[in-house]
Amino acid sequence: MTDYAHGIGHPDDLALRQRLLPLLETANDPRRQRYLELLAVINAWPPPDDPAPAFTWFTQALRTRPRSASDAAAPGRT
């Protein structure tokens, strides 16, 4: 999470994680994956990989362990 925050120029804090969570939940909508699968069929592309397991893991991780002030004091922890 720290590397991602640094990459987009934001601090790795609770506000970033709270903004990221709804975006990941929206991207994890199964209709999105089905839409991409249908696009692949129509355009004769190879079927896309399903990112749902990664999105699910990431959203669960953000809900389970939001960054707190005590985390900021512990170097190397994300």
N, C-alpha and C. Protein backbone atom coordinates (compact mmCIF):
# COMPACT_ATOMS: atom_id res chain seq x y z
N MET A 1 0.82 -1.18 0.00
CA MET A 1 0.00 0.00 0.00
C MET A 1 0.87 1.25 0.00
N THR A 2 1.96 1.21 0.72
CA THR A 2 2.85 2.37 0.78
C THR A 2 3.41 2.70 -0.60
N ASP A 3 3.82 1.68 -1.35
CA ASP A 3 4.36 1.92 -2.69
C ASP A 3 3.30 2.52 -3.61
N TYR A 4 2.07 2.02 -3.51
CA TYR A 4 0.98 2.56 -4.32
C TYR A 4 0.75 4.03 -3.97
N ALA A 5 0.68 4.33 -2.69
CA ALA A 5 0.45 5.71 -2.24
C ALA A 5 1.57 6.62 -2.76
N HIS A 6 2.79 6.17 -2.64
CA HIS A 6 3.93 6.95 -3.11
C HIS A 6 3.83 7.16 -4.62
N GLY A 7 3.45 6.12 -5.34
CA GLY A 7 3.35 6.20 -6.79
C GLY A 7 2.32 7.21 -7.29
N ILE A 8 1.26 7.40 -6.53
CA ILE A 8 0.23 8.36 -6.94
C ILE A 8 0.39 9.71 -6.25
N GLY A 9 1.44 9.82 -5.41
CA GLY A 9 1.73 11.11 -4.78
C GLY A 9 0.84 11.45 -3.61
N HIS A 10 0.33 10.43 -2.91
CA HIS A 10 -0.51 10.65 -1.73
C HIS A 10 0.10 9.94 -0.54
N PRO A 11 -0.17 10.44 0.66
CA PRO A 11 0.31 9.70 1.84
C PRO A 11 -0.48 8.41 2.02
N ASP A 12 0.16 7.42 2.59
CA ASP A 12 -0.51 6.15 2.89
C ASP A 12 -1.23 6.34 4.22
N ASP A 13 -2.47 6.77 4.11
CA ASP A 13 -3.24 7.04 5.32
C ASP A 13 -4.65 6.48 5.20
N LEU A 14 -5.41 6.64 6.25
CA LEU A 14 -6.77 6.11 6.28
C LEU A 14 -7.63 6.74 5.19
N ALA A 15 -7.44 8.01 4.90
CA ALA A 15 -8.24 8.68 3.87
C ALA A 15 -8.03 8.04 2.50
N LEU A 16 -6.78 7.72 2.17
CA LEU A 16 -6.51 7.06 0.89
C LEU A 16 -7.19 5.71 0.83
N ARG A 17 -7.11 4.95 1.89
CA ARG A 17 -7.71 3.62 1.93
C ARG A 17 -9.24 3.71 1.84
N GLN A 18 -9.81 4.72 2.46
CA GLN A 18 -11.27 4.89 2.39
C GLN A 18 -11.71 5.31 1.00
N ARG A 19 -10.88 6.05 0.28
CA ARG A 19 -11.21 6.43 -1.11
C ARG A 19 -11.03 5.25 -2.05
N LEU A 20 -10.04 4.40 -1.77
CA LEU A 20 -9.74 3.28 -2.64
C LEU A 20 -10.78 2.16 -2.53
N LEU A 21 -11.32 1.94 -1.36
CA LEU A 21 -12.23 0.82 -1.13
C LEU A 21 -13.45 0.84 -2.07
N PRO A 22 -14.20 1.93 -2.21
CA PRO A 22 -15.35 1.89 -3.12
C PRO A 22 -14.95 1.70 -4.58
N LEU A 23 -13.78 2.18 -4.97
CA LEU A 23 -13.32 1.97 -6.34
C LEU A 23 -13.07 0.49 -6.61
N LEU A 24 -12.45 -0.18 -5.65
CA LEU A 24 -12.19 -1.61 -5.79
C LEU A 24 -13.49 -2.41 -5.78
N GLU A 25 -14.43 -2.00 -4.94
CA GLU A 25 -15.72 -2.70 -4.89
C GLU A 25 -16.45 -2.57 -6.23
N THR A 26 -16.39 -1.40 -6.83
CA THR A 26 -17.03 -1.19 -8.12
C THR A 26 -16.34 -2.03 -9.21
N ALA A 27 -15.03 -2.05 -9.19
CA ALA A 27 -14.28 -2.83 -10.19
C ALA A 27 -14.51 -4.33 -10.02
N ASN A 28 -14.92 -4.75 -8.83
CA ASN A 28 -15.12 -6.17 -8.56
C ASN A 28 -16.54 -6.64 -8.90
N ASP A 29 -17.32 -5.81 -9.54
CA ASP A 29 -18.68 -6.18 -9.94
C ASP A 29 -18.60 -7.30 -10.99
N PRO A 30 -19.26 -8.43 -10.77
CA PRO A 30 -19.18 -9.53 -11.75
C PRO A 30 -19.71 -9.15 -13.13
N ARG A 31 -20.56 -8.14 -13.21
CA ARG A 31 -21.05 -7.71 -14.53
C ARG A 31 -19.92 -7.12 -15.37
N ARG A 32 -18.97 -6.51 -14.72
CA ARG A 32 -17.82 -5.97 -15.43
C ARG A 32 -17.04 -7.10 -16.10
N GLN A 33 -16.78 -8.15 -15.35
CA GLN A 33 -16.05 -9.28 -15.91
C GLN A 33 -16.83 -9.92 -17.06
N ARG A 34 -18.12 -10.06 -16.90
CA ARG A 34 -18.94 -10.65 -17.96
C ARG A 34 -18.90 -9.78 -19.21
N TYR A 35 -18.96 -8.48 -19.03
CA TYR A 35 -18.88 -7.55 -20.15
C TYR A 35 -17.56 -7.74 -20.90
N LEU A 36 -16.45 -7.85 -20.18
CA LEU A 36 -15.15 -8.05 -20.81
C LEU A 36 -15.08 -9.39 -21.53
N GLU A 37 -15.71 -10.41 -20.96
CA GLU A 37 -15.75 -11.72 -21.62
C GLU A 37 -16.52 -11.63 -22.94
N LEU A 38 -17.64 -10.93 -22.92
CA LEU A 38 -18.44 -10.79 -24.14
C LEU A 38 -17.70 -9.96 -25.19
N LEU A 39 -16.99 -8.93 -24.77
CA LEU A 39 -16.17 -8.16 -25.71
C LEU A 39 -15.13 -9.05 -26.38
N ALA A 40 -14.53 -9.93 -25.58
CA ALA A 40 -13.53 -10.84 -26.13
C ALA A 40 -14.14 -11.77 -27.18
N VAL A 41 -15.35 -12.25 -26.91
CA VAL A 41 -16.02 -13.14 -27.88
C VAL A 41 -16.31 -12.37 -29.17
N ILE A 42 -16.90 -11.21 -29.04
CA ILE A 42 -17.28 -10.41 -30.21
C ILE A 42 -16.07 -10.05 -31.06
N ASN A 43 -14.96 -9.73 -30.39
CA ASN A 43 -13.77 -9.26 -31.09
C ASN A 43 -12.73 -10.35 -31.36
N ALA A 44 -13.09 -11.60 -31.05
CA ALA A 44 -12.18 -12.74 -31.26
C ALA A 44 -10.86 -12.57 -30.50
N TRP A 45 -10.96 -12.00 -29.30
CA TRP A 45 -9.80 -11.86 -28.43
C TRP A 45 -9.73 -13.06 -27.50
N PRO A 46 -8.58 -13.32 -26.93
CA PRO A 46 -8.51 -14.37 -25.91
C PRO A 46 -9.32 -13.95 -24.68
N PRO A 47 -9.88 -14.89 -23.96
CA PRO A 47 -10.66 -14.52 -22.78
C PRO A 47 -9.79 -13.80 -21.75
N PRO A 48 -10.34 -12.78 -21.10
CA PRO A 48 -9.55 -12.04 -20.12
C PRO A 48 -9.40 -12.83 -18.83
N ASP A 49 -8.33 -12.54 -18.12
CA ASP A 49 -8.16 -13.11 -16.78
C ASP A 49 -9.21 -12.49 -15.86
N ASP A 50 -9.62 -13.23 -14.88
CA ASP A 50 -10.61 -12.74 -13.92
C ASP A 50 -9.89 -12.12 -12.72
N PRO A 51 -9.99 -10.80 -12.56
CA PRO A 51 -9.31 -10.16 -11.44
C PRO A 51 -10.08 -10.24 -10.12
N ALA A 52 -11.25 -10.88 -10.12
CA ALA A 52 -12.10 -10.90 -8.92
C ALA A 52 -11.37 -11.42 -7.68
N PRO A 53 -10.60 -12.50 -7.75
CA PRO A 53 -9.91 -12.94 -6.52
C PRO A 53 -8.98 -11.87 -5.94
N ALA A 54 -8.28 -11.16 -6.80
CA ALA A 54 -7.38 -10.11 -6.31
C ALA A 54 -8.17 -8.94 -5.72
N PHE A 55 -9.23 -8.52 -6.42
CA PHE A 55 -10.06 -7.43 -5.89
C PHE A 55 -10.71 -7.82 -4.56
N THR A 56 -11.19 -9.04 -4.48
CA THR A 56 -11.82 -9.51 -3.24
C THR A 56 -10.82 -9.51 -2.10
N TRP A 57 -9.64 -10.04 -2.36
CA TRP A 57 -8.60 -10.07 -1.33
C TRP A 57 -8.25 -8.66 -0.87
N PHE A 58 -8.06 -7.76 -1.84
CA PHE A 58 -7.66 -6.39 -1.53
C PHE A 58 -8.73 -5.67 -0.72
N THR A 59 -9.99 -5.79 -1.11
CA THR A 59 -11.05 -5.11 -0.36
C THR A 59 -11.19 -5.69 1.04
N GLN A 60 -11.06 -7.00 1.18
CA GLN A 60 -11.12 -7.60 2.52
C GLN A 60 -9.96 -7.13 3.37
N ALA A 61 -8.78 -7.02 2.77
CA ALA A 61 -7.62 -6.54 3.51
C ALA A 61 -7.81 -5.10 3.98
N LEU A 62 -8.36 -4.26 3.11
CA LEU A 62 -8.58 -2.86 3.49
C LEU A 62 -9.63 -2.75 4.60
N ARG A 63 -10.65 -3.59 4.56
CA ARG A 63 -11.67 -3.56 5.61
C ARG A 63 -11.13 -4.10 6.94
N THR A 64 -10.31 -5.14 6.85
CA THR A 64 -9.81 -5.80 8.04
C THR A 64 -8.77 -4.97 8.77
N ARG A 65 -7.91 -4.33 8.02
CA ARG A 65 -6.81 -3.62 8.65
C ARG A 65 -6.63 -2.24 8.03
N PRO A 66 -7.51 -1.31 8.34
CA PRO A 66 -7.28 0.05 7.85
C PRO A 66 -6.08 0.64 8.58
N ARG A 67 -5.35 1.46 7.90
CA ARG A 67 -4.15 2.07 8.49
C ARG A 67 -4.56 3.03 9.60
N SER A 68 -3.91 2.88 10.71
CA SER A 68 -4.18 3.76 11.85
C SER A 68 -2.95 4.58 12.16
N ALA A 69 -3.06 5.50 13.07
CA ALA A 69 -1.93 6.34 13.46
C ALA A 69 -0.78 5.51 14.00
N SER A 70 -1.09 4.42 14.72
CA SER A 70 -0.02 3.58 15.27
C SER A 70 0.74 2.85 14.17
N ASP A 71 0.09 2.55 13.05
CA ASP A 71 0.78 1.91 11.92
C ASP A 71 1.81 2.85 11.30
N ALA A 72 1.49 4.13 11.27
CA ALA A 72 2.39 5.10 10.65
C ALA A 72 3.72 5.16 11.42
N ALA A 73 3.69 4.86 12.70
CA ALA A 73 4.90 4.91 13.51
C ALA A 73 5.73 3.65 13.36
N ALA A 74 5.19 2.60 12.77
CA ALA A 74 5.91 1.33 12.62
C ALA A 74 6.49 1.24 11.21
N PRO A 75 7.80 1.51 11.05
CA PRO A 75 8.38 1.47 9.70
C PRO A 75 8.32 0.07 9.11
N GLY A 76 8.12 0.03 7.79
CA GLY A 76 8.11 -1.24 7.10
C GLY A 76 6.79 -1.97 7.12
N ARG A 77 5.79 -1.47 7.81
CA ARG A 77 4.48 -2.12 7.86
C ARG A 77 3.54 -1.42 6.92
N THR A 78 2.74 -2.21 6.20
CA THR A 78 1.76 -1.60 5.29
C THR A 78 0.40 -2.16 5.59
